[in-house]
PDB file of N, CA and C in Angstrom:
ATOM      1  N   UNK A   1     -36.485 -29.483   1.358  1.00  0.00           N
ATOM      2  CA  UNK A   1     -35.279 -29.148   2.083  1.00  0.00           C
ATOM      3  C   UNK A   1     -34.206 -28.714   1.073  1.00  0.00           C
ATOM      4  N   UNK A   2     -33.499 -27.644   1.400  1.00  0.00           N
ATOM      5  CA  UNK A   2     -32.473 -27.090   0.511  1.00  0.00           C
ATOM      6  C   UNK A   2     -31.132 -27.741   0.857  1.00  0.00           C
ATOM      7  N   UNK A   3     -30.405 -28.206  -0.165  1.00  0.00           N
ATOM      8  CA  UNK A   3     -29.102 -28.832   0.109  1.00  0.00           C
ATOM      9  C   UNK A   3     -28.113 -27.825   0.701  1.00  0.00           C
ATOM     10  N   UNK A   4     -27.197 -28.349   1.494  1.00  0.00           N
ATOM     11  CA  UNK A   4     -26.195 -27.507   2.151  1.00  0.00           C
ATOM     12  C   UNK A   4     -25.317 -26.798   1.128  1.00  0.00           C
ATOM     13  N   UNK A   5     -24.945 -27.493   0.050  1.00  0.00           N
ATOM     14  CA  UNK A   5     -24.079 -26.870  -0.943  1.00  0.00           C
ATOM     15  C   UNK A   5     -24.758 -25.682  -1.612  1.00  0.00           C
ATOM     16  N   UNK A   6     -26.056 -25.706  -1.740  1.00  0.00           N
ATOM     17  CA  UNK A   6     -26.775 -24.583  -2.343  1.00  0.00           C
ATOM     18  C   UNK A   6     -26.750 -23.375  -1.408  1.00  0.00           C
ATOM     19  N   UNK A   7     -26.889 -23.618  -0.115  1.00  0.00           N
ATOM     20  CA  UNK A   7     -26.818 -22.518   0.861  1.00  0.00           C
ATOM     21  C   UNK A   7     -25.426 -21.900   0.883  1.00  0.00           C
ATOM     22  N   UNK A   8     -24.411 -22.751   0.847  1.00  0.00           N
ATOM     23  CA  UNK A   8     -23.026 -22.258   0.849  1.00  0.00           C
ATOM     24  C   UNK A   8     -22.747 -21.479  -0.430  1.00  0.00           C
ATOM     25  N   UNK A   9     -23.230 -21.951  -1.553  1.00  0.00           N
ATOM     26  CA  UNK A   9     -23.034 -21.253  -2.825  1.00  0.00           C
ATOM     27  C   UNK A   9     -23.716 -19.892  -2.816  1.00  0.00           C
ATOM     28  N   UNK A  10     -24.925 -19.837  -2.307  1.00  0.00           N
ATOM     29  CA  UNK A  10     -25.650 -18.570  -2.236  1.00  0.00           C
ATOM     30  C   UNK A  10     -24.958 -17.592  -1.288  1.00  0.00           C
ATOM     31  N   UNK A  11     -24.490 -18.082  -0.141  1.00  0.00           N
ATOM     32  CA  UNK A  11     -23.780 -17.218   0.803  1.00  0.00           C
ATOM     33  C   UNK A  11     -22.479 -16.705   0.195  1.00  0.00           C
ATOM     34  N   UNK A  12     -21.777 -17.559  -0.541  1.00  0.00           N
ATOM     35  CA  UNK A  12     -20.537 -17.145  -1.201  1.00  0.00           C
ATOM     36  C   UNK A  12     -20.812 -16.097  -2.268  1.00  0.00           C
ATOM     37  N   UNK A  13     -21.867 -16.268  -3.032  1.00  0.00           N
ATOM     38  CA  UNK A  13     -22.235 -15.296  -4.060  1.00  0.00           C
ATOM     39  C   UNK A  13     -22.556 -13.943  -3.436  1.00  0.00           C
ATOM     40  N   UNK A  14     -23.332 -13.943  -2.371  1.00  0.00           N
ATOM     41  CA  UNK A  14     -23.683 -12.686  -1.693  1.00  0.00           C
ATOM     42  C   UNK A  14     -22.433 -12.019  -1.132  1.00  0.00           C
ATOM     43  N   UNK A  15     -21.533 -12.811  -0.534  1.00  0.00           N
ATOM     44  CA  UNK A  15     -20.288 -12.262   0.008  1.00  0.00           C
ATOM     45  C   UNK A  15     -19.434 -11.649  -1.094  1.00  0.00           C
ATOM     46  N   UNK A  16     -19.339 -12.318  -2.229  1.00  0.00           N
ATOM     47  CA  UNK A  16     -18.555 -11.784  -3.350  1.00  0.00           C
ATOM     48  C   UNK A  16     -19.157 -10.489  -3.890  1.00  0.00           C
ATOM     49  N   UNK A  17     -20.476 -10.419  -3.964  1.00  0.00           N
ATOM     50  CA  UNK A  17     -21.123  -9.189  -4.431  1.00  0.00           C
ATOM     51  C   UNK A  17     -20.881  -8.036  -3.467  1.00  0.00           C
ATOM     52  N   UNK A  18     -20.969  -8.296  -2.175  1.00  0.00           N
ATOM     53  CA  UNK A  18     -20.702  -7.248  -1.178  1.00  0.00           C
ATOM     54  C   UNK A  18     -19.254  -6.790  -1.273  1.00  0.00           C
ATOM     55  N   UNK A  19     -18.325  -7.739  -1.380  1.00  0.00           N
ATOM     56  CA  UNK A  19     -16.908  -7.400  -1.488  1.00  0.00           C
ATOM     57  C   UNK A  19     -16.641  -6.566  -2.743  1.00  0.00           C
ATOM     58  N   UNK A  20     -17.202  -6.968  -3.864  1.00  0.00           N
ATOM     59  CA  UNK A  20     -16.990  -6.224  -5.112  1.00  0.00           C
ATOM     60  C   UNK A  20     -17.561  -4.815  -5.025  1.00  0.00           C
ATOM     61  N   UNK A  21     -18.726  -4.680  -4.429  1.00  0.00           N
ATOM     62  CA  UNK A  21     -19.325  -3.356  -4.278  1.00  0.00           C
ATOM     63  C   UNK A  21     -18.503  -2.447  -3.383  1.00  0.00           C
ATOM     64  N   UNK A  22     -18.035  -2.983  -2.265  1.00  0.00           N
ATOM     65  CA  UNK A  22     -17.213  -2.167  -1.366  1.00  0.00           C
ATOM     66  C   UNK A  22     -15.866  -1.827  -1.993  1.00  0.00           C
ATOM     67  N   UNK A  23     -15.287  -2.759  -2.741  1.00  0.00           N
ATOM     68  CA  UNK A  23     -14.026  -2.500  -3.420  1.00  0.00           C
ATOM     69  C   UNK A  23     -14.194  -1.403  -4.472  1.00  0.00           C
ATOM     70  N   UNK A  24     -15.291  -1.418  -5.190  1.00  0.00           N
ATOM     71  CA  UNK A  24     -15.569  -0.392  -6.193  1.00  0.00           C
ATOM     72  C   UNK A  24     -15.736   0.974  -5.532  1.00  0.00           C
ATOM     73  N   UNK A  25     -16.460   1.026  -4.411  1.00  0.00           N
ATOM     74  CA  UNK A  25     -16.646   2.294  -3.702  1.00  0.00           C
ATOM     75  C   UNK A  25     -15.325   2.823  -3.158  1.00  0.00           C
ATOM     76  N   UNK A  26     -14.478   1.941  -2.634  1.00  0.00           N
ATOM     77  CA  UNK A  26     -13.175   2.361  -2.127  1.00  0.00           C
ATOM     78  C   UNK A  26     -12.308   2.906  -3.252  1.00  0.00           C
ATOM     79  N   UNK A  27     -12.345   2.272  -4.413  1.00  0.00           N
ATOM     80  CA  UNK A  27     -11.579   2.760  -5.557  1.00  0.00           C
ATOM     81  C   UNK A  27     -12.030   4.145  -5.987  1.00  0.00           C
ATOM     82  N   UNK A  28     -13.328   4.377  -6.006  1.00  0.00           N
ATOM     83  CA  UNK A  28     -13.840   5.702  -6.366  1.00  0.00           C
ATOM     84  C   UNK A  28     -13.478   6.746  -5.321  1.00  0.00           C
ATOM     85  N   UNK A  29     -13.481   6.362  -4.051  1.00  0.00           N
ATOM     86  CA  UNK A  29     -13.150   7.319  -2.994  1.00  0.00           C
ATOM     87  C   UNK A  29     -11.660   7.645  -2.982  1.00  0.00           C
ATOM     88  N   UNK A  30     -10.811   6.689  -3.347  1.00  0.00           N
ATOM     89  CA  UNK A  30      -9.365   6.892  -3.295  1.00  0.00           C
ATOM     90  C   UNK A  30      -8.814   7.556  -4.549  1.00  0.00           C
ATOM     91  N   UNK A  31      -9.576   7.598  -5.618  1.00  0.00           N
ATOM     92  CA  UNK A  31      -9.076   8.126  -6.890  1.00  0.00           C
ATOM     93  C   UNK A  31      -8.587   9.574  -6.800  1.00  0.00           C
ATOM     94  N   UNK A  32      -9.318  10.518  -6.183  1.00  0.00           N
ATOM     95  CA  UNK A  32      -8.800  11.889  -6.105  1.00  0.00           C
ATOM     96  C   UNK A  32      -7.504  11.991  -5.303  1.00  0.00           C
ATOM     97  N   UNK A  33      -7.398  11.222  -4.231  1.00  0.00           N
ATOM     98  CA  UNK A  33      -6.177  11.253  -3.427  1.00  0.00           C
ATOM     99  C   UNK A  33      -4.998  10.704  -4.217  1.00  0.00           C
ATOM    100  N   UNK A  34      -5.182   9.605  -4.894  1.00  0.00           N
ATOM    101  CA  UNK A  34      -4.101   9.034  -5.690  1.00  0.00           C
ATOM    102  C   UNK A  34      -3.702   9.959  -6.834  1.00  0.00           C
ATOM    103  N   UNK A  35      -4.663  10.625  -7.444  1.00  0.00           N
ATOM    104  CA  UNK A  35      -4.354  11.575  -8.512  1.00  0.00           C
ATOM    105  C   UNK A  35      -3.490  12.713  -7.972  1.00  0.00           C
ATOM    106  N   UNK A  36      -3.814  13.213  -6.772  1.00  0.00           N
ATOM    107  CA  UNK A  36      -3.022  14.290  -6.166  1.00  0.00           C
ATOM    108  C   UNK A  36      -1.616  13.807  -5.813  1.00  0.00           C
ATOM    109  N   UNK A  37      -1.501  12.581  -5.340  1.00  0.00           N
ATOM    110  CA  UNK A  37      -0.179  12.040  -5.002  1.00  0.00           C
ATOM    111  C   UNK A  37       0.671  11.900  -6.255  1.00  0.00           C
ATOM    112  N   UNK A  38       0.089  11.390  -7.337  1.00  0.00           N
ATOM    113  CA  UNK A  38       0.846  11.189  -8.566  1.00  0.00           C
ATOM    114  C   UNK A  38       1.255  12.507  -9.217  1.00  0.00           C
ATOM    115  N   UNK A  39       0.542  13.597  -8.963  1.00  0.00           N
ATOM    116  CA  UNK A  39       0.876  14.883  -9.560  1.00  0.00           C
ATOM    117  C   UNK A  39       1.853  15.683  -8.708  1.00  0.00           C
ATOM    118  N   UNK A  40       2.217  15.189  -7.539  1.00  0.00           N
ATOM    119  CA  UNK A  40       3.179  15.872  -6.683  1.00  0.00           C
ATOM    120  C   UNK A  40       4.554  15.806  -7.339  1.00  0.00           C
ATOM    121  N   UNK A  41       5.243  16.952  -7.468  1.00  0.00           N
ATOM    122  CA  UNK A  41       6.562  16.920  -8.105  1.00  0.00           C
ATOM    123  C   UNK A  41       7.589  16.229  -7.206  1.00  0.00           C
ATOM    124  N   UNK A  42       8.499  15.514  -7.838  1.00  0.00           N
ATOM    125  CA  UNK A  42       9.549  14.828  -7.100  1.00  0.00           C
ATOM    126  C   UNK A  42      10.664  15.807  -6.756  1.00  0.00           C
ATOM    127  N   UNK A  43      11.357  15.615  -5.640  1.00  0.00           N
ATOM    128  CA  UNK A  43      12.461  16.512  -5.289  1.00  0.00           C
ATOM    129  C   UNK A  43      13.633  16.319  -6.250  1.00  0.00           C
ATOM    130  N   UNK A  44      14.341  17.405  -6.499  1.00  0.00           N
ATOM    131  CA  UNK A  44      15.508  17.357  -7.366  1.00  0.00           C
ATOM    132  C   UNK A  44      16.711  16.884  -6.551  1.00  0.00           C
ATOM    133  N   UNK A  45      17.411  15.900  -7.067  1.00  0.00           N
ATOM    134  CA  UNK A  45      18.577  15.347  -6.381  1.00  0.00           C
ATOM    135  C   UNK A  45      19.815  15.760  -7.156  1.00  0.00           C
ATOM    136  N   UNK A  46      20.772  16.311  -6.439  1.00  0.00           N
ATOM    137  CA  UNK A  46      22.014  16.741  -7.067  1.00  0.00           C
ATOM    138  C   UNK A  46      22.923  15.526  -7.231  1.00  0.00           C
ATOM    139  N   UNK A  47      23.375  15.240  -8.449  1.00  0.00           N
ATOM    140  CA  UNK A  47      24.289  14.106  -8.621  1.00  0.00           C
ATOM    141  C   UNK A  47      25.649  14.434  -8.020  1.00  0.00           C
ATOM    142  N   UNK A  48      26.236  13.494  -7.341  1.00  0.00           N
ATOM    143  CA  UNK A  48      27.547  13.719  -6.748  1.00  0.00           C
ATOM    144  C   UNK A  48      27.492  14.066  -5.274  1.00  0.00           C
ATOM    145  N   UNK A  49      26.342  14.459  -4.761  1.00  0.00           N
ATOM    146  CA  UNK A  49      26.225  14.751  -3.328  1.00  0.00           C
ATOM    147  C   UNK A  49      25.679  13.517  -2.638  1.00  0.00           C
ATOM    148  N   UNK A  50      26.346  13.096  -1.598  1.00  0.00           N
ATOM    149  CA  UNK A  50      25.890  11.947  -0.829  1.00  0.00           C
ATOM    150  C   UNK A  50      25.421  12.450   0.528  1.00  0.00           C
ATOM    151  N   UNK A  51      24.300  11.975   0.996  1.00  0.00           N
ATOM    152  CA  UNK A  51      23.760  12.465   2.258  1.00  0.00           C
ATOM    153  C   UNK A  51      24.618  12.109   3.468  1.00  0.00           C
ATOM    154  N   UNK A  52      25.214  10.932   3.491  1.00  0.00           N
ATOM    155  CA  UNK A  52      26.074  10.545   4.607  1.00  0.00           C
ATOM    156  C   UNK A  52      27.312   9.868   4.062  1.00  0.00           C
ATOM    157  N   UNK A  53      28.392  10.017   4.778  1.00  0.00           N
ATOM    158  CA  UNK A  53      29.626   9.371   4.354  1.00  0.00           C
ATOM    159  C   UNK A  53      29.690   7.964   4.927  1.00  0.00           C
ATOM    160  N   UNK A  54      30.382   7.066   4.260  1.00  0.00           N
ATOM    161  CA  UNK A  54      30.495   5.703   4.787  1.00  0.00           C
ATOM    162  C   UNK A  54      31.206   5.666   6.136  1.00  0.00           C
ATOM    163  N   UNK A  55      32.152   6.594   6.359  1.00  0.00           N
ATOM    164  CA  UNK A  55      32.870   6.625   7.632  1.00  0.00           C
ATOM    165  C   UNK A  55      31.917   6.950   8.779  1.00  0.00           C
ATOM    166  N   UNK A  56      30.973   7.848   8.550  1.00  0.00           N
ATOM    167  CA  UNK A  56      30.003   8.180   9.597  1.00  0.00           C
ATOM    168  C   UNK A  56      29.145   6.967   9.937  1.00  0.00           C
ATOM    169  N   UNK A  57      28.815   6.171   8.944  1.00  0.00           N
ATOM    170  CA  UNK A  57      28.046   4.960   9.208  1.00  0.00           C
ATOM    171  C   UNK A  57      28.861   3.955  10.005  1.00  0.00           C
ATOM    172  N   UNK A  58      30.152   3.844   9.708  1.00  0.00           N
ATOM    173  CA  UNK A  58      31.002   2.933  10.470  1.00  0.00           C
ATOM    174  C   UNK A  58      31.128   3.390  11.914  1.00  0.00           C
ATOM    175  N   UNK A  59      31.290   4.700  12.117  1.00  0.00           N
ATOM    176  CA  UNK A  59      31.380   5.219  13.479  1.00  0.00           C
ATOM    177  C   UNK A  59      30.095   4.938  14.245  1.00  0.00           C
ATOM    178  N   UNK A  60      28.974   5.095  13.608  1.00  0.00           N
ATOM    179  CA  UNK A  60      27.694   4.818  14.255  1.00  0.00           C
ATOM    180  C   UNK A  60      27.584   3.337  14.602  1.00  0.00           C
ATOM    181  N   UNK A  61      28.055   2.485  13.707  1.00  0.00           N
ATOM    182  CA  UNK A  61      28.009   1.048  13.977  1.00  0.00           C
ATOM    183  C   UNK A  61      28.897   0.705  15.176  1.00  0.00           C
ATOM    184  N   UNK A  62      30.068   1.311  15.252  1.00  0.00           N
ATOM    185  CA  UNK A  62      30.967   1.048  16.380  1.00  0.00           C
ATOM    186  C   UNK A  62      30.377   1.567  17.681  1.00  0.00           C
ATOM    187  N   UNK A  63      29.735   2.712  17.656  1.00  0.00           N
ATOM    188  CA  UNK A  63      29.125   3.256  18.869  1.00  0.00           C
ATOM    189  C   UNK A  63      27.982   2.385  19.366  1.00  0.00           C
ATOM    190  N   UNK A  64      27.215   1.823  18.439  1.00  0.00           N
ATOM    191  CA  UNK A  64      26.077   1.005  18.840  1.00  0.00           C
ATOM    192  C   UNK A  64      26.490  -0.374  19.331  1.00  0.00           C
ATOM    193  N   UNK A  65      27.618  -0.901  18.866  1.00  0.00           N
ATOM    194  CA  UNK A  65      28.025  -2.247  19.266  1.00  0.00           C
ATOM    195  C   UNK A  65      28.833  -2.262  20.551  1.00  0.00           C
ATOM    196  N   UNK A  66      29.361  -1.143  20.992  1.00  0.00           N
ATOM    197  CA  UNK A  66      30.154  -1.141  22.237  1.00  0.00           C
ATOM    198  C   UNK A  66      29.309  -0.846  23.436  1.00  0.00           C
TER     199      UNK A  66
END
């Protein structure tokens, strides 16, 4: 008769091997996509230009609370 702890250890080992294999395959599949994302140029931001004024945000807050 095989002890319970040996069965649990074997099942855990098999689960870890499956997880590691799938993780490795996912990393290989995602590598080209991540490389393309990292090579995408960032947008140029003009210093001194603000997208919204603080007053517009206050007006929006007042409109939403009334």
